[in-house]
N, C-alpha and C. Protein backbone atom coordinates (compact mmCIF):
# COMPACT_ATOMS: atom_id res chain seq x y z
N MET A 1 -40.27 10.06 -198.74
CA MET A 1 -39.22 10.00 -197.82
C MET A 1 -37.55 9.53 -199.14
N LEU A 2 -37.10 11.08 -198.46
CA LEU A 2 -35.98 11.05 -199.06
C LEU A 2 -34.66 10.07 -198.28
N ARG A 3 -34.05 9.85 -198.38
CA ARG A 3 -32.10 9.63 -197.58
C ARG A 3 -31.45 10.35 -196.99
N LEU A 4 -31.50 10.15 -195.65
CA LEU A 4 -30.19 11.22 -195.75
C LEU A 4 -28.52 10.61 -197.09
N ALA A 5 -27.46 12.24 -196.79
CA ALA A 5 -27.22 11.80 -197.80
C ALA A 5 -25.73 10.65 -196.70
N SER A 6 -25.14 10.60 -195.75
CA SER A 6 -25.16 9.87 -195.18
C SER A 6 -25.92 8.41 -195.55
N GLU A 7 -26.33 7.64 -195.52
CA GLU A 7 -27.85 6.40 -195.77
C GLU A 7 -27.38 5.82 -197.29
N VAL A 8 -27.17 7.29 -198.20
CA VAL A 8 -27.64 6.77 -198.91
C VAL A 8 -25.61 6.33 -199.26
N LEU A 9 -24.24 6.87 -198.56
CA LEU A 9 -23.49 7.13 -198.60
C LEU A 9 -23.06 5.47 -198.34
N SER A 10 -23.10 5.34 -196.65
CA SER A 10 -23.56 4.45 -196.36
C SER A 10 -23.66 2.81 -197.03
N MET A 11 -24.82 3.20 -197.57
CA MET A 11 -25.69 1.68 -199.31
C MET A 11 -24.04 1.25 -199.78
N THR A 12 -24.15 2.38 -200.95
CA THR A 12 -23.28 2.82 -201.67
C THR A 12 -22.14 2.04 -201.77
N ASN A 13 -20.50 2.01 -200.68
CA ASN A 13 -20.29 1.76 -200.33
C ASN A 13 -19.60 0.82 -199.21
N ASP A 14 -20.91 0.30 -198.41
CA ASP A 14 -20.27 -1.27 -197.44
C ASP A 14 -21.05 -1.82 -197.20
N THR A 15 -22.76 -1.61 -198.02
CA THR A 15 -23.43 -2.81 -197.55
C THR A 15 -24.18 -3.75 -198.84
N LEU A 16 -23.73 -4.75 -199.23
CA LEU A 16 -23.93 -5.63 -200.23
C LEU A 16 -25.15 -6.24 -200.21
N PRO A 17 -25.73 -5.63 -201.66
CA PRO A 17 -27.33 -5.39 -201.63
C PRO A 17 -27.71 -6.74 -201.54
N VAL A 18 -26.79 -7.66 -201.78
CA VAL A 18 -27.11 -9.03 -201.71
C VAL A 18 -26.27 -10.09 -200.90
N SER A 19 -27.00 -12.28 -201.82
CA SER A 19 -26.92 -12.58 -200.96
C SER A 19 -24.42 -12.23 -202.05
N ASN A 20 -24.09 -12.99 -200.19
CA ASN A 20 -22.47 -13.30 -201.27
C ASN A 20 -22.02 -14.33 -202.23
N ASP A 21 -23.66 -15.16 -203.16
CA ASP A 21 -23.38 -15.76 -203.86
C ASP A 21 -23.71 -15.85 -205.38
N LEU A 22 -24.85 -14.50 -204.63
CA LEU A 22 -25.64 -14.47 -206.91
C LEU A 22 -24.33 -12.53 -206.49
N PHE A 23 -23.73 -11.98 -205.36
CA PHE A 23 -22.23 -11.51 -205.95
C PHE A 23 -21.26 -11.91 -207.01
N ALA A 24 -20.78 -12.92 -206.42
CA ALA A 24 -19.61 -13.61 -205.93
C ALA A 24 -19.87 -13.61 -208.10
N LYS A 25 -21.81 -14.77 -207.84
CA LYS A 25 -21.92 -15.09 -209.80
C LYS A 25 -21.55 -13.80 -210.12
N ILE A 26 -21.76 -12.55 -210.15
CA ILE A 26 -22.16 -11.66 -210.70
C ILE A 26 -20.54 -10.53 -211.40
N CYS A 27 -19.91 -10.64 -210.26
CA CYS A 27 -18.18 -10.13 -210.43
C CYS A 27 -17.48 -11.12 -211.62
N ARG A 28 -17.58 -12.21 -212.06
CA ARG A 28 -17.33 -13.31 -211.87
C ARG A 28 -18.08 -13.46 -213.88
N ALA A 29 -18.76 -13.12 -213.48
CA ALA A 29 -19.41 -12.97 -215.12
C ALA A 29 -19.77 -11.76 -215.90
N ALA A 30 -19.91 -11.45 -216.99
CA ALA A 30 -19.74 -10.31 -218.75
C ALA A 30 -20.56 -9.52 -217.78
N PRO A 31 -20.46 -8.26 -218.30
CA PRO A 31 -20.93 -7.49 -218.13
C PRO A 31 -22.85 -7.78 -217.89
N LYS A 32 -23.07 -8.12 -219.60
CA LYS A 32 -24.36 -9.10 -219.62
C LYS A 32 -24.85 -9.57 -219.78
N GLU A 33 -24.00 -10.59 -219.56
CA GLU A 33 -24.67 -12.26 -218.10
C GLU A 33 -24.75 -11.34 -216.49
N ALA A 34 -24.13 -10.57 -216.00
CA ALA A 34 -24.27 -9.92 -214.86
C ALA A 34 -25.67 -9.94 -214.81
N ARG A 35 -26.01 -8.16 -215.57
CA ARG A 35 -27.78 -8.66 -216.11
C ARG A 35 -28.49 -9.09 -215.97
N ASP A 36 -28.28 -10.19 -216.58
CA ASP A 36 -29.10 -11.04 -216.62
C ASP A 36 -29.37 -11.59 -215.18
N LEU A 37 -28.22 -11.84 -214.95
CA LEU A 37 -28.41 -12.33 -213.34
C LEU A 37 -28.87 -11.89 -211.63
N ALA A 38 -28.61 -10.57 -212.41
CA ALA A 38 -29.88 -9.67 -211.71
C ALA A 38 -31.42 -9.49 -212.13
N MET A 39 -32.05 -9.55 -213.07
CA MET A 39 -33.21 -10.10 -213.70
C MET A 39 -33.34 -10.49 -212.39
N GLY A 40 -33.42 -11.35 -211.78
CA GLY A 40 -33.85 -12.12 -211.55
C GLY A 40 -34.27 -10.84 -210.03
N LEU A 41 -33.95 -10.43 -209.86
CA LEU A 41 -33.89 -9.35 -208.08
C LEU A 41 -35.92 -8.87 -208.55
N PRO A 42 -35.73 -8.00 -207.12
CA PRO A 42 -37.36 -7.03 -207.18
C PRO A 42 -36.28 -5.69 -207.25
N SER A 43 -36.51 -4.69 -208.14
CA SER A 43 -36.55 -3.98 -208.45
C SER A 43 -35.84 -2.38 -207.90
N PRO A 44 -36.11 -2.31 -206.14
CA PRO A 44 -35.35 -2.43 -205.60
C PRO A 44 -33.37 -2.56 -205.06
N SER A 45 -34.14 -3.94 -205.08
CA SER A 45 -32.77 -4.37 -204.95
C SER A 45 -31.57 -4.56 -206.65
N ARG A 46 -32.27 -4.20 -207.98
CA ARG A 46 -31.55 -4.50 -209.29
C ARG A 46 -31.30 -3.25 -208.29
N ALA A 47 -31.90 -1.61 -207.90
CA ALA A 47 -31.64 -0.77 -207.99
C ALA A 47 -29.98 -0.14 -207.22
N ARG A 48 -30.03 -0.65 -206.29
CA ARG A 48 -29.33 -1.08 -204.61
C ARG A 48 -27.85 -1.50 -205.95
N LEU A 49 -28.57 -3.51 -205.93
CA LEU A 49 -27.47 -3.74 -206.78
C LEU A 49 -26.73 -2.65 -207.37
N ALA A 50 -27.15 -1.71 -208.55
CA ALA A 50 -26.22 -1.27 -209.88
C ALA A 50 -25.62 0.38 -209.09
N LEU A 51 -26.35 0.43 -208.17
CA LEU A 51 -25.43 1.25 -207.62
C LEU A 51 -24.47 1.35 -207.18
N PHE A 52 -24.40 0.24 -205.88
CA PHE A 52 -23.40 -0.64 -205.78
C PHE A 52 -22.49 -0.87 -206.38
N CYS A 53 -22.22 -1.53 -207.57
CA CYS A 53 -21.33 -1.78 -208.46
C CYS A 53 -20.67 -0.50 -208.84
N ASN A 54 -21.48 0.21 -209.37
CA ASN A 54 -21.18 1.24 -210.22
C ASN A 54 -20.08 2.04 -209.12
N ALA A 55 -20.54 2.46 -207.95
CA ALA A 55 -19.70 2.87 -207.04
C ALA A 55 -17.50 2.40 -207.01
N ARG A 56 -18.20 1.38 -207.60
CA ARG A 56 -16.78 0.55 -207.82
C ARG A 56 -16.10 0.62 -209.12
N ALA A 57 -14.85 0.42 -209.53
CA ALA A 57 -14.80 1.81 -210.25
C ALA A 57 -14.65 -0.34 -211.47
N HIS A 58 -13.87 -1.03 -210.74
CA HIS A 58 -13.58 -2.58 -211.85
C HIS A 58 -14.87 -3.53 -212.05
N LEU A 59 -16.16 -2.70 -210.80
CA LEU A 59 -17.55 -2.97 -211.25
C LEU A 59 -18.18 -2.13 -212.32
N ARG A 60 -17.83 -0.48 -212.10
CA ARG A 60 -19.07 -0.19 -213.19
C ARG A 60 -19.13 -0.11 -214.68
N GLU A 61 -18.91 -1.24 -215.00
CA GLU A 61 -19.43 -1.48 -216.67
C GLU A 61 -20.29 -2.48 -216.35
N VAL A 62 -20.97 -2.87 -215.51
CA VAL A 62 -21.71 -3.90 -214.51
C VAL A 62 -23.09 -2.87 -214.51
N GLY A 63 -22.29 -2.72 -213.51
CA GLY A 63 -23.93 -1.53 -212.47
C GLY A 63 -24.13 -1.41 -214.10
N ARG A 64 -23.39 -0.70 -214.90
CA ARG A 64 -24.75 0.44 -215.57
C ARG A 64 -24.87 -0.29 -217.15
N GLU A 65 -24.57 -1.99 -216.62
CA GLU A 65 -25.64 -2.82 -217.18
C GLU A 65 -26.87 -3.58 -216.39
N ILE A 66 -27.02 -3.20 -215.15
CA ILE A 66 -28.21 -3.20 -214.25
C ILE A 66 -28.60 -2.69 -214.23
N ALA A 67 -28.03 -0.80 -214.27
CA ALA A 67 -29.14 0.60 -213.86
C ALA A 67 -29.62 0.39 -215.06
N GLY A 68 -28.94 0.01 -216.18
CA GLY A 68 -30.01 -0.08 -217.84
C GLY A 68 -31.36 -0.88 -217.35
N THR A 69 -31.05 -1.91 -216.86
CA THR A 69 -32.69 -2.41 -215.74
C THR A 69 -33.95 -1.82 -215.90
N CYS A 70 -33.17 -0.78 -214.55
CA CYS A 70 -34.33 0.20 -213.68
C CYS A 70 -34.74 0.87 -214.21
N SER A 71 -35.54 1.68 -213.61
CA SER A 71 -36.53 3.08 -213.92
C SER A 71 -35.89 4.25 -213.59
N GLN A 72 -35.90 4.76 -213.65
CA GLN A 72 -35.82 5.82 -213.58
C GLN A 72 -35.67 6.34 -211.82
N ALA A 73 -36.89 6.10 -211.61
CA ALA A 73 -37.26 6.10 -210.86
C ALA A 73 -37.30 5.24 -208.98
N SER A 74 -37.01 4.43 -209.62
CA SER A 74 -36.41 3.12 -208.78
C SER A 74 -34.72 3.05 -207.82
N LEU A 75 -34.21 3.94 -208.99
CA LEU A 75 -32.40 4.40 -208.32
C LEU A 75 -32.16 5.40 -208.21
N VAL A 76 -33.38 6.50 -207.92
CA VAL A 76 -33.78 8.49 -207.60
C VAL A 76 -34.18 8.05 -206.37
N LEU A 77 -34.92 6.83 -206.06
CA LEU A 77 -35.10 6.30 -204.55
C LEU A 77 -34.54 5.84 -203.93
N GLU A 78 -33.47 4.72 -204.32
CA GLU A 78 -32.87 4.22 -203.37
C GLU A 78 -31.13 4.70 -203.85
N GLY A 79 -30.75 5.79 -204.44
CA GLY A 79 -29.29 6.64 -204.41
C GLY A 79 -29.42 8.06 -204.53
N GLY A 80 -31.03 7.95 -204.65
CA GLY A 80 -31.10 9.79 -204.54
C GLY A 80 -30.10 10.77 -206.18
N GLN A 81 -29.28 11.48 -205.91
CA GLN A 81 -29.15 12.36 -206.72
C GLN A 81 -27.27 11.09 -207.42
N ALA A 82 -26.83 9.98 -206.56
CA ALA A 82 -26.31 9.58 -207.56
C ALA A 82 -26.87 8.58 -208.34
N GLY A 83 -28.56 7.86 -207.90
CA GLY A 83 -29.25 7.05 -209.18
C GLY A 83 -29.33 7.58 -209.77
N LEU A 84 -29.63 9.36 -209.93
CA LEU A 84 -30.21 9.96 -211.26
C LEU A 84 -29.12 9.89 -211.95
N VAL A 85 -28.04 10.75 -211.48
CA VAL A 85 -26.87 10.61 -211.88
C VAL A 85 -26.11 9.53 -213.45
N LEU A 86 -26.08 8.53 -212.34
CA LEU A 86 -26.61 6.78 -212.98
C LEU A 86 -26.98 6.60 -213.86
N PHE A 87 -28.71 6.52 -213.80
CA PHE A 87 -30.01 6.98 -214.88
C PHE A 87 -29.44 7.29 -216.67
N ASP A 88 -29.25 8.59 -215.38
CA ASP A 88 -28.20 9.52 -216.93
C ASP A 88 -27.61 9.24 -217.67
N GLN A 89 -26.14 8.05 -217.25
CA GLN A 89 -25.10 7.70 -217.21
C GLN A 89 -25.79 6.76 -218.37
N VAL A 90 -26.41 5.70 -218.65
CA VAL A 90 -26.98 4.75 -218.68
C VAL A 90 -27.44 5.03 -219.93
N LYS A 91 -28.71 6.51 -219.95
CA LYS A 91 -29.28 6.45 -221.18
C LYS A 91 -29.11 7.59 -222.27
N ALA A 92 -27.49 8.05 -221.03
CA ALA A 92 -26.19 8.71 -223.28
C ALA A 92 -25.98 7.78 -223.03
N GLY A 93 -25.65 6.80 -223.22
CA GLY A 93 -25.28 5.40 -223.94
C GLY A 93 -23.62 5.48 -223.25
N PRO A 94 -22.26 4.43 -223.36
CA PRO A 94 -21.59 3.53 -223.39
C PRO A 94 -20.98 4.96 -224.41
N GLU A 95 -20.53 5.13 -225.39
CA GLU A 95 -19.84 5.40 -225.89
C GLU A 95 -19.72 7.46 -224.96
N THR A 96 -20.30 7.68 -224.25
CA THR A 96 -19.92 8.91 -223.66
C THR A 96 -19.64 8.38 -222.34
N TRP A 97 -19.73 7.06 -222.03
CA TRP A 97 -18.58 6.81 -221.36
C TRP A 97 -17.20 7.12 -220.76
N GLY A 98 -16.81 7.43 -221.17
CA GLY A 98 -15.33 7.92 -221.62
C GLY A 98 -13.95 6.81 -221.27
N VAL A 99 -15.23 5.84 -221.34
CA VAL A 99 -13.98 4.95 -221.01
C VAL A 99 -13.97 3.55 -222.34
N PRO A 100 -13.68 2.76 -222.13
CA PRO A 100 -13.56 1.72 -223.66
C PRO A 100 -14.01 0.44 -222.98
N PRO A 101 -15.41 -0.25 -223.20
CA PRO A 101 -16.08 -1.07 -222.94
C PRO A 101 -14.78 -2.54 -222.55
N ARG A 102 -15.68 -3.14 -221.97
CA ARG A 102 -13.95 -4.63 -221.16
C ARG A 102 -13.74 -5.38 -222.55
N HIS A 103 -15.18 -5.70 -222.69
CA HIS A 103 -14.65 -6.45 -223.70
C HIS A 103 -13.33 -5.98 -225.38
N ASN A 104 -13.82 -4.73 -225.16
CA ASN A 104 -12.91 -3.83 -226.26
C ASN A 104 -10.92 -3.70 -225.77
N THR A 105 -10.87 -3.67 -224.11
CA THR A 105 -9.33 -4.08 -223.94
C THR A 105 -8.46 -4.99 -224.20
N ARG A 106 -7.07 -4.29 -224.40
CA ARG A 106 -6.09 -5.63 -224.24
C ARG A 106 -5.52 -6.25 -222.68
N ARG A 107 -5.56 -7.49 -222.93
CA ARG A 107 -5.19 -8.28 -221.76
C ARG A 107 -3.12 -7.83 -222.29
N VAL A 108 -2.82 -7.76 -220.71
CA VAL A 108 -1.51 -7.84 -220.35
C VAL A 108 -0.93 -8.17 -220.20
N SER A 109 0.74 -9.15 -220.99
CA SER A 109 1.53 -9.72 -219.62
C SER A 109 2.80 -9.40 -219.17
N LEU A 110 2.74 -9.96 -217.98
CA LEU A 110 4.59 -9.25 -217.69
C LEU A 110 4.80 -10.13 -217.23
N ALA A 111 4.84 -11.58 -217.92
CA ALA A 111 5.24 -12.75 -218.01
C ALA A 111 6.69 -11.95 -219.59
N GLY A 112 7.76 -12.23 -218.81
CA GLY A 112 9.28 -12.05 -219.44
C GLY A 112 9.73 -12.81 -220.71
């Protein structure tokens, strides 16, 4: 059964797919640590979390790390076309994403 586009949009933009506590831990963790935290989730929940994070610019790298633990089928089932695109991005690797990994970014200080 395919999800309607509005259901997918709502799921990726509005509904937090895990508990607030787990999500807070994931947000504070480095991307690979976030992936490890998500590994305890069932496959459908992990796919929903990957899509949820990937839909937010500040969590995109985390979403891709988590998506790397998901099958193509689970990402497509949970996210439709967005799941397929995410799977293809993860399969292509970070060097194709156009954004440097978070650990390579320089911190900027506004202190004078």
